[in-house]
Amino acid sequence: MRYLAAAHTDMGNVKKVNQDSLTVKVAQTPQGQIVLAVICDGMGGLSHGEVASAHVVFAFEEWFHTELRQMLADQTGEIAIEDIRSSWYRIVHRCNDTIVSYGRQNATNVGTTLTAILFIKDNYYLIHVGDCRVYELTENMVQLTNDQTFVRREVELGHMTQEQALTDPRRNVLLQCVGVNYGIEPDFLCGKVRPNASYLLCTDGFRHMVTPQEIYSVCHADNNRSIESMNQHLQYLVTVNKERKESDNISAILIRTLCT
């Protein structure tokens, strides 16, 4: 499998600092082309959210260049799922402890969401904390991640409808994030990469003011045959969000799969 990748981030209409952080790493390896994409949303309204999000992104970049490189060198076949899971859990717990300590030492609340996906061969591996999302776009659009939010839990418990959750004042309340409390349980997922598909990672600011149908019409694979077009389409959706008065930072990563 081969990939095209694009990313865009914007401070938005209201905030004076962009607390979102993201990275996309693409490399040629003996196992073919691999891609790591990471997106983090520093906690809106909390001090130094950009510090927390950047710290987590840097930790995954460092893992990509060191530990993953060593895994690829040591393995003749596929990397074991448990090797990736355990190494990512170590990163998340180490970052969480560091950010919690930083916040307490500075008498401030610091936190960030985390969503990262790794593509190797025909597989993807995904770790998730918070309410950024990953969508898989093929003949339809499927959300791969589950929002770790109060309103999603209430919907699952039957205490509110999906429609009520969209406007509930507690819709931004997270059940967990990196850096607020000691002890964290990330979601870890894996699956098969779909050919001729798009994978979209986005912060909540990217999706509040646009519909799933609008996202799909712009981001599906047939509409994105070059990095240039992918960049243009992400910028277009960011502009739409801003025109519709989105108040948060706005960030997204778009990855398109190409058959070898």
C-alpha atoms as a PDB file:
ATOM      1  CA  MET A   1       0.000   0.000   0.000  1.00  0.00           C
ATOM      2  CA  ARG A   2       1.119   3.554  -0.756  1.00  0.00           C
ATOM      3  CA  TYR A   3      -0.216   6.770   0.729  1.00  0.00           C
ATOM      4  CA  LEU A   4      -0.780  10.454   0.130  1.00  0.00           C
ATOM      5  CA  ALA A   5      -1.005  12.697   3.180  1.00  0.00           C
ATOM      6  CA  ALA A   6      -1.976  16.294   3.914  1.00  0.00           C
ATOM      7  CA  ALA A   7      -2.608  18.309   7.070  1.00  0.00           C
ATOM      8  CA  HIS A   8      -3.920  21.720   8.028  1.00  0.00           C
ATOM      9  CA  THR A   9      -4.345  23.575  11.305  1.00  0.00           C
ATOM     10  CA  ASP A  10      -5.828  26.986  12.057  1.00  0.00           C
ATOM     11  CA  MET A  11      -6.141  29.113  15.185  1.00  0.00           C
ATOM     12  CA  GLY A  12      -9.760  29.859  14.316  1.00  0.00           C
ATOM     13  CA  ASN A  13     -11.891  32.916  14.956  1.00  0.00           C
ATOM     14  CA  VAL A  14     -11.652  33.421  18.712  1.00  0.00           C
ATOM     15  CA  LYS A  15      -8.638  31.921  20.443  1.00  0.00           C
ATOM     16  CA  LYS A  16      -5.346  33.784  20.632  1.00  0.00           C
ATOM     17  CA  VAL A  17      -3.275  30.594  20.693  1.00  0.00           C
ATOM     18  CA  ASN A  18      -3.538  27.413  18.644  1.00  0.00           C
ATOM     19  CA  GLN A  19      -3.624  24.658  21.252  1.00  0.00           C
ATOM     20  CA  ASP A  20      -3.887  21.923  18.604  1.00  0.00           C
ATOM     21  CA  SER A  21      -0.753  20.004  17.611  1.00  0.00           C
ATOM     22  CA  LEU A  22      -0.325  17.467  14.830  1.00  0.00           C
ATOM     23  CA  THR A  23       2.252  15.592  12.838  1.00  0.00           C
ATOM     24  CA  VAL A  24       2.403  13.277   9.821  1.00  0.00           C
ATOM     25  CA  LYS A  25       5.421  11.046   9.237  1.00  0.00           C
ATOM     26  CA  VAL A  26       5.898   9.035   6.032  1.00  0.00           C
ATOM     27  CA  ALA A  27       8.823   6.666   5.508  1.00  0.00           C
ATOM     28  CA  GLN A  28      10.006   4.014   3.078  1.00  0.00           C
ATOM     29  CA  THR A  29      10.969   0.809   4.880  1.00  0.00           C
ATOM     30  CA  PRO A  30      11.758  -2.822   4.016  1.00  0.00           C
ATOM     31  CA  GLN A  31       8.076  -3.476   4.811  1.00  0.00           C
ATOM     32  CA  GLY A  32       6.952  -0.823   2.350  1.00  0.00           C
ATOM     33  CA  GLN A  33       5.702   2.691   2.910  1.00  0.00           C
ATOM     34  CA  ILE A  34       4.507   3.452   6.434  1.00  0.00           C
ATOM     35  CA  VAL A  35       2.625   6.442   7.821  1.00  0.00           C
ATOM     36  CA  LEU A  36       2.168   7.784  11.334  1.00  0.00           C
ATOM     37  CA  ALA A  37      -0.400  10.536  11.926  1.00  0.00           C
ATOM     38  CA  VAL A  38      -0.985  12.124  15.333  1.00  0.00           C
ATOM     39  CA  ILE A  39      -3.453  14.861  16.308  1.00  0.00           C
ATOM     40  CA  CYS A  40      -3.891  16.401  19.766  1.00  0.00           C
ATOM     41  CA  ASP A  41      -6.270  19.067  21.029  1.00  0.00           C
ATOM     42  CA  GLY A  42      -4.889  20.975  24.003  1.00  0.00           C
ATOM     43  CA  MET A  43      -7.685  21.438  26.467  1.00  0.00           C
ATOM     44  CA  GLY A  44      -9.804  24.447  25.554  1.00  0.00           C
ATOM     45  CA  GLY A  45     -10.007  26.929  28.400  1.00  0.00           C
ATOM     46  CA  LEU A  46      -7.107  25.395  30.299  1.00  0.00           C
ATOM     47  CA  SER A  47      -3.743  27.080  30.655  1.00  0.00           C
ATOM     48  CA  HIS A  48      -0.865  25.895  28.483  1.00  0.00           C
ATOM     49  CA  GLY A  49      -2.917  23.420  26.463  1.00  0.00           C
ATOM     50  CA  GLU A  50      -0.489  23.916  23.581  1.00  0.00           C
ATOM     51  CA  VAL A  51       2.343  22.724  25.828  1.00  0.00           C
ATOM     52  CA  ALA A  52       0.522  19.481  26.589  1.00  0.00           C
ATOM     53  CA  SER A  53      -0.482  18.745  22.992  1.00  0.00           C
ATOM     54  CA  ALA A  54       2.995  19.495  21.631  1.00  0.00           C
ATOM     55  CA  HIS A  55       4.614  17.310  24.303  1.00  0.00           C
ATOM     56  CA  VAL A  56       2.525  14.280  23.297  1.00  0.00           C
ATOM     57  CA  VAL A  57       3.075  14.816  19.565  1.00  0.00           C
ATOM     58  CA  PHE A  58       6.840  15.091  20.099  1.00  0.00           C
ATOM     59  CA  ALA A  59       6.834  11.831  22.095  1.00  0.00           C
ATOM     60  CA  PHE A  60       5.197   9.968  19.202  1.00  0.00           C
ATOM     61  CA  GLU A  61       7.575  11.546  16.685  1.00  0.00           C
ATOM     62  CA  GLU A  62      10.498  10.367  18.794  1.00  0.00           C
ATOM     63  CA  TRP A  63       9.001   6.858  18.953  1.00  0.00           C
ATOM     64  CA  PHE A  64       8.637   6.825  15.158  1.00  0.00           C
ATOM     65  CA  HIS A  65      12.312   7.681  14.617  1.00  0.00           C
ATOM     66  CA  THR A  66      13.760   5.407  17.310  1.00  0.00           C
ATOM     67  CA  GLU A  67      11.683   2.549  18.729  1.00  0.00           C
ATOM     68  CA  LEU A  68       9.645   1.873  15.584  1.00  0.00           C
ATOM     69  CA  ARG A  69      12.799   1.925  13.474  1.00  0.00           C
ATOM     70  CA  GLN A  70      14.285  -0.693  15.782  1.00  0.00           C
ATOM     71  CA  MET A  71      11.116  -2.808  15.622  1.00  0.00           C
ATOM     72  CA  LEU A  72      11.248  -2.778  11.831  1.00  0.00           C
ATOM     73  CA  ALA A  73      14.919  -3.760  11.863  1.00  0.00           C
ATOM     74  CA  ASP A  74      14.323  -6.630  14.276  1.00  0.00           C
ATOM     75  CA  GLN A  75      11.237  -8.071  12.576  1.00  0.00           C
ATOM     76  CA  THR A  76      11.315 -10.063   9.342  1.00  0.00           C
ATOM     77  CA  GLY A  77       7.525 -10.380   9.241  1.00  0.00           C
ATOM     78  CA  GLU A  78       4.719  -8.264  10.637  1.00  0.00           C
ATOM     79  CA  ILE A  79       5.267  -6.372  13.867  1.00  0.00           C
ATOM     80  CA  ALA A  80       3.262  -7.946  16.669  1.00  0.00           C
ATOM     81  CA  ILE A  81       0.180  -5.985  17.671  1.00  0.00           C
ATOM     82  CA  GLU A  82       1.142  -6.307  21.326  1.00  0.00           C
ATOM     83  CA  ASP A  83       4.536  -4.684  20.658  1.00  0.00           C
ATOM     84  CA  ILE A  84       2.852  -1.578  19.272  1.00  0.00           C
ATOM     85  CA  ARG A  85       0.152  -1.537  21.921  1.00  0.00           C
ATOM     86  CA  SER A  86       2.579  -1.851  24.833  1.00  0.00           C
ATOM     87  CA  SER A  87       5.010   0.752  23.478  1.00  0.00           C
ATOM     88  CA  TRP A  88       2.183   3.242  22.850  1.00  0.00           C
ATOM     89  CA  TYR A  89       0.724   2.649  26.314  1.00  0.00           C
ATOM     90  CA  ARG A  90       4.147   3.416  27.799  1.00  0.00           C
ATOM     91  CA  ILE A  91       4.276   6.674  25.851  1.00  0.00           C
ATOM     92  CA  VAL A  92       0.786   7.728  26.926  1.00  0.00           C
ATOM     93  CA  HIS A  93       1.327   6.914  30.597  1.00  0.00           C
ATOM     94  CA  ARG A  94       4.728   8.607  30.623  1.00  0.00           C
ATOM     95  CA  CYS A  95       3.301  11.739  28.964  1.00  0.00           C
ATOM     96  CA  ASN A  96       0.318  11.700  31.303  1.00  0.00           C
ATOM     97  CA  ASP A  97       2.515  11.553  34.406  1.00  0.00           C
ATOM     98  CA  THR A  98       4.767  14.329  33.093  1.00  0.00           C
ATOM     99  CA  ILE A  99       1.885  16.663  32.242  1.00  0.00           C
ATOM    100  CA  VAL A 100       0.053  15.998  35.524  1.00  0.00           C
ATOM    101  CA  SER A 101       3.250  16.811  37.435  1.00  0.00           C
ATOM    102  CA  TYR A 102       3.823  19.935  35.342  1.00  0.00           C
ATOM    103  CA  GLY A 103       0.313  21.173  36.036  1.00  0.00           C
ATOM    104  CA  ARG A 104       0.545  20.589  39.771  1.00  0.00           C
ATOM    105  CA  GLN A 105       3.970  22.214  40.024  1.00  0.00           C
ATOM    106  CA  ASN A 106       2.629  25.280  38.216  1.00  0.00           C
ATOM    107  CA  ALA A 107      -0.754  25.310  39.990  1.00  0.00           C
ATOM    108  CA  THR A 108      -2.620  25.076  36.685  1.00  0.00           C
ATOM    109  CA  ASN A 109      -4.780  22.627  34.758  1.00  0.00           C
ATOM    110  CA  VAL A 110      -3.096  21.225  31.655  1.00  0.00           C
ATOM    111  CA  GLY A 111      -4.446  18.550  29.357  1.00  0.00           C
ATOM    112  CA  THR A 112      -4.756  17.257  25.833  1.00  0.00           C
ATOM    113  CA  THR A 113      -6.628  14.719  23.781  1.00  0.00           C
ATOM    114  CA  LEU A 114      -4.650  12.209  21.723  1.00  0.00           C
ATOM    115  CA  THR A 115      -5.478  10.307  18.564  1.00  0.00           C
ATOM    116  CA  ALA A 116      -2.755   8.521  16.593  1.00  0.00           C
ATOM    117  CA  ILE A 117      -2.874   6.038  13.730  1.00  0.00           C
ATOM    118  CA  LEU A 118      -0.079   3.991  12.183  1.00  0.00           C
ATOM    119  CA  PHE A 119      -0.311   2.362   8.742  1.00  0.00           C
ATOM    120  CA  ILE A 120       2.005  -0.592   8.030  1.00  0.00           C
ATOM    121  CA  LYS A 121       1.464  -2.939   5.088  1.00  0.00           C
ATOM    122  CA  ASP A 122      -2.279  -3.675   5.035  1.00  0.00           C
ATOM    123  CA  ASN A 123      -2.889  -2.913   8.704  1.00  0.00           C
ATOM    124  CA  TYR A 124      -3.628   0.131  10.792  1.00  0.00           C
ATOM    125  CA  TYR A 125      -3.125   0.587  14.532  1.00  0.00           C
ATOM    126  CA  LEU A 126      -4.907   3.334  16.443  1.00  0.00           C
ATOM    127  CA  ILE A 127      -4.701   4.780  19.958  1.00  0.00           C
ATOM    128  CA  HIS A 128      -7.263   7.240  21.243  1.00  0.00           C
ATOM    129  CA  VAL A 129      -7.970   9.412  24.286  1.00  0.00           C
ATOM    130  CA  GLY A 130     -10.628  12.130  24.219  1.00  0.00           C
ATOM    131  CA  ASP A 131     -12.844  13.402  21.420  1.00  0.00           C
ATOM    132  CA  CYS A 132     -10.740  13.851  18.304  1.00  0.00           C
ATOM    133  CA  ARG A 133     -12.004  11.485  15.638  1.00  0.00           C
ATOM    134  CA  VAL A 134     -10.784   9.150  12.919  1.00  0.00           C
ATOM    135  CA  TYR A 135     -13.085   8.499   9.972  1.00  0.00           C
ATOM    136  CA  GLU A 136     -12.651   5.863   7.268  1.00  0.00           C
ATOM    137  CA  LEU A 137     -14.176   7.018   3.971  1.00  0.00           C
ATOM    138  CA  THR A 138     -14.888   4.419   1.294  1.00  0.00           C
ATOM    139  CA  GLU A 139     -18.353   3.967  -0.226  1.00  0.00           C
ATOM    140  CA  ASN A 140     -19.560   5.543   3.021  1.00  0.00           C
ATOM    141  CA  MET A 141     -18.047   7.249   6.072  1.00  0.00           C
ATOM    142  CA  VAL A 142     -17.421   5.270   9.255  1.00  0.00           C
ATOM    143  CA  GLN A 143     -16.197   6.713  12.538  1.00  0.00           C
ATOM    144  CA  LEU A 144     -13.457   4.412  13.841  1.00  0.00           C
ATOM    145  CA  THR A 145     -13.023   6.091  17.226  1.00  0.00           C
ATOM    146  CA  ASN A 146     -15.497   6.517  20.059  1.00  0.00           C
ATOM    147  CA  ASP A 147     -15.780   9.941  21.683  1.00  0.00           C
ATOM    148  CA  GLN A 148     -14.787   9.695  25.325  1.00  0.00           C
ATOM    149  CA  THR A 149     -17.325  12.317  26.351  1.00  0.00           C
ATOM    150  CA  PHE A 150     -20.101  12.752  28.879  1.00  0.00           C
ATOM    151  CA  VAL A 151     -22.801  13.101  26.227  1.00  0.00           C
ATOM    152  CA  ARG A 152     -21.753   9.962  24.334  1.00  0.00           C
ATOM    153  CA  ARG A 153     -21.976   7.981  27.572  1.00  0.00           C
ATOM    154  CA  GLU A 154     -25.416   9.471  28.240  1.00  0.00           C
ATOM    155  CA  VAL A 155     -26.588   8.485  24.752  1.00  0.00           C
ATOM    156  CA  GLU A 156     -25.315   4.931  25.267  1.00  0.00           C
ATOM    157  CA  LEU A 157     -27.153   4.751  28.600  1.00  0.00           C
ATOM    158  CA  GLY A 158     -30.344   5.970  26.946  1.00  0.00           C
ATOM    159  CA  HIS A 159     -30.437   9.191  28.967  1.00  0.00           C
ATOM    160  CA  MET A 160     -30.432  11.446  25.897  1.00  0.00           C
ATOM    161  CA  THR A 161     -30.808  11.206  22.133  1.00  0.00           C
ATOM    162  CA  GLN A 162     -28.154  11.865  19.511  1.00  0.00           C
ATOM    163  CA  GLU A 163     -29.995  15.072  18.608  1.00  0.00           C
ATOM    164  CA  GLN A 164     -29.978  16.257  22.225  1.00  0.00           C
ATOM    165  CA  ALA A 165     -26.278  15.463  22.533  1.00  0.00           C
ATOM    166  CA  LEU A 166     -25.457  17.820  19.656  1.00  0.00           C
ATOM    167  CA  THR A 167     -26.691  20.867  21.575  1.00  0.00           C
ATOM    168  CA  ASP A 168     -26.255  19.809  25.200  1.00  0.00           C
ATOM    169  CA  PRO A 169     -24.066  22.352  27.087  1.00  0.00           C
ATOM    170  CA  ARG A 170     -21.971  19.447  28.433  1.00  0.00           C
ATOM    171  CA  ARG A 171     -21.069  18.140  24.971  1.00  0.00           C
ATOM    172  CA  ASN A 172     -17.415  19.184  25.391  1.00  0.00           C
ATOM    173  CA  VAL A 173     -16.979  17.495  28.777  1.00  0.00           C
ATOM    174  CA  LEU A 174     -14.395  14.719  28.436  1.00  0.00           C
ATOM    175  CA  LEU A 175     -14.382  11.536  30.490  1.00  0.00           C
ATOM    176  CA  GLN A 176     -10.603  11.369  30.245  1.00  0.00           C
ATOM    177  CA  CYS A 177      -7.685  13.154  28.618  1.00  0.00           C
ATOM    178  CA  VAL A 178      -3.903  13.114  28.878  1.00  0.00           C
ATOM    179  CA  GLY A 179      -2.514  15.159  31.745  1.00  0.00           C
ATOM    180  CA  VAL A 180      -5.376  15.875  34.136  1.00  0.00           C
ATOM    181  CA  ASN A 181      -5.302  12.872  36.494  1.00  0.00           C
ATOM    182  CA  TYR A 182      -2.939  10.017  37.208  1.00  0.00           C
ATOM    183  CA  GLY A 183      -4.274   6.822  35.680  1.00  0.00           C
ATOM    184  CA  ILE A 184      -5.521   6.725  32.108  1.00  0.00           C
ATOM    185  CA  GLU A 185      -6.998   4.000  29.892  1.00  0.00           C
ATOM    186  CA  PRO A 186      -6.537   4.688  26.163  1.00  0.00           C
ATOM    187  CA  ASP A 187      -8.591   2.913  23.525  1.00  0.00           C
ATOM    188  CA  PHE A 188      -6.490   0.767  21.198  1.00  0.00           C
ATOM    189  CA  LEU A 189      -7.842  -0.474  17.874  1.00  0.00           C
ATOM    190  CA  CYS A 190      -6.477  -2.260  14.834  1.00  0.00           C
ATOM    191  CA  GLY A 191      -7.878  -3.178  11.459  1.00  0.00           C
ATOM    192  CA  LYS A 192      -7.256  -3.729   7.779  1.00  0.00           C
ATOM    193  CA  VAL A 193      -6.448  -0.761   5.578  1.00  0.00           C
ATOM    194  CA  ARG A 194      -8.964  -0.323   2.782  1.00  0.00           C
ATOM    195  CA  PRO A 195      -7.655   0.335  -0.748  1.00  0.00           C
ATOM    196  CA  ASN A 196      -8.754   3.537  -2.494  1.00  0.00           C
ATOM    197  CA  ALA A 197      -9.911   4.977   0.822  1.00  0.00           C
ATOM    198  CA  SER A 198      -9.453   8.163   2.786  1.00  0.00           C
ATOM    199  CA  TYR A 199      -8.697   8.345   6.505  1.00  0.00           C
ATOM    200  CA  LEU A 200      -9.487  11.629   8.237  1.00  0.00           C
ATOM    201  CA  LEU A 201      -8.217  12.619  11.674  1.00  0.00           C
ATOM    202  CA  CYS A 202      -9.756  15.792  13.070  1.00  0.00           C
ATOM    203  CA  THR A 203     -10.233  17.821  16.215  1.00  0.00           C
ATOM    204  CA  ASP A 204     -13.751  18.655  17.355  1.00  0.00           C
ATOM    205  CA  GLY A 205     -13.366  22.187  15.989  1.00  0.00           C
ATOM    206  CA  PHE A 206     -13.146  20.756  12.474  1.00  0.00           C
ATOM    207  CA  ARG A 207     -16.516  18.975  12.623  1.00  0.00           C
ATOM    208  CA  HIS A 208     -18.842  21.137  14.702  1.00  0.00           C
ATOM    209  CA  MET A 209     -20.050  23.422  11.916  1.00  0.00           C
ATOM    210  CA  VAL A 210     -19.999  21.020   8.965  1.00  0.00           C
ATOM    211  CA  THR A 211     -22.151  17.963   8.408  1.00  0.00           C
ATOM    212  CA  PRO A 212     -20.868  14.418   7.856  1.00  0.00           C
ATOM    213  CA  GLN A 213     -22.232  14.658   4.324  1.00  0.00           C
ATOM    214  CA  GLU A 214     -20.175  17.786   3.651  1.00  0.00           C
ATOM    215  CA  ILE A 215     -17.044  16.138   5.021  1.00  0.00           C
ATOM    216  CA  TYR A 216     -17.603  13.038   2.904  1.00  0.00           C
ATOM    217  CA  SER A 217     -18.275  14.975  -0.298  1.00  0.00           C
ATOM    218  CA  VAL A 218     -14.957  16.803   0.030  1.00  0.00           C
ATOM    219  CA  CYS A 219     -12.693  14.162   1.601  1.00  0.00           C
ATOM    220  CA  HIS A 220     -13.614  10.889  -0.133  1.00  0.00           C
ATOM    221  CA  ALA A 221     -10.790   9.237  -2.053  1.00  0.00           C
ATOM    222  CA  ASP A 222     -12.040   9.847  -5.601  1.00  0.00           C
ATOM    223  CA  ASN A 223     -12.021  13.581  -4.872  1.00  0.00           C
ATOM    224  CA  ASN A 224      -8.407  13.526  -3.666  1.00  0.00           C
ATOM    225  CA  ARG A 225      -5.936  12.236  -6.204  1.00  0.00           C
ATOM    226  CA  SER A 226      -3.023  14.514  -5.271  1.00  0.00           C
ATOM    227  CA  ILE A 227      -1.505  16.077  -2.169  1.00  0.00           C
ATOM    228  CA  GLU A 228      -2.310  19.478  -3.639  1.00  0.00           C
ATOM    229  CA  SER A 229      -6.034  18.711  -3.902  1.00  0.00           C
ATOM    230  CA  MET A 230      -6.035  17.218  -0.391  1.00  0.00           C
ATOM    231  CA  ASN A 231      -4.494  20.370   1.046  1.00  0.00           C
ATOM    232  CA  GLN A 232      -6.981  22.529  -0.840  1.00  0.00           C
ATOM    233  CA  HIS A 233      -9.939  20.525   0.420  1.00  0.00           C
ATOM    234  CA  LEU A 234      -8.816  20.631   4.054  1.00  0.00           C
ATOM    235  CA  GLN A 235      -8.320  24.379   3.792  1.00  0.00           C
ATOM    236  CA  TYR A 236     -11.773  24.715   2.240  1.00  0.00           C
ATOM    237  CA  LEU A 237     -13.446  22.900   5.148  1.00  0.00           C
ATOM    238  CA  VAL A 238     -11.492  24.980   7.667  1.00  0.00           C
ATOM    239  CA  THR A 239     -12.723  28.121   5.903  1.00  0.00           C
ATOM    240  CA  VAL A 240     -16.319  26.871   5.983  1.00  0.00           C
ATOM    241  CA  ASN A 241     -16.040  26.240   9.715  1.00  0.00           C
ATOM    242  CA  LYS A 242     -14.705  29.741  10.303  1.00  0.00           C
ATOM    243  CA  GLU A 243     -17.408  31.331   8.163  1.00  0.00           C
ATOM    244  CA  ARG A 244     -19.994  29.498  10.279  1.00  0.00           C
ATOM    245  CA  LYS A 245     -18.471  31.006  13.446  1.00  0.00           C
ATOM    246  CA  GLU A 246     -16.609  28.014  14.872  1.00  0.00           C
ATOM    247  CA  SER A 247     -14.924  29.282  18.064  1.00  0.00           C
ATOM    248  CA  ASP A 248     -12.339  26.535  18.581  1.00  0.00           C
ATOM    249  CA  ASN A 249      -9.003  25.799  16.925  1.00  0.00           C
ATOM    250  CA  ILE A 250      -9.532  23.770  13.734  1.00  0.00           C
ATOM    251  CA  SER A 251      -7.215  20.941  12.626  1.00  0.00           C
ATOM    252  CA  ALA A 252      -7.288  17.882  10.395  1.00  0.00           C
ATOM    253  CA  ILE A 253      -5.086  15.279   8.719  1.00  0.00           C
ATOM    254  CA  LEU A 254      -6.163  13.507   5.531  1.00  0.00           C
ATOM    255  CA  ILE A 255      -4.535  10.279   4.317  1.00  0.00           C
ATOM    256  CA  ARG A 256      -5.416   8.576   1.034  1.00  0.00           C
ATOM    257  CA  THR A 257      -4.527   4.974   0.269  1.00  0.00           C
ATOM    258  CA  LEU A 258      -3.147   3.951  -3.116  1.00  0.00           C
ATOM    259  CA  CYS A 259      -2.876   0.363  -4.312  1.00  0.00           C
ATOM    260  CA  THR A 260       0.662  -0.692  -5.224  1.00  0.00           C
END
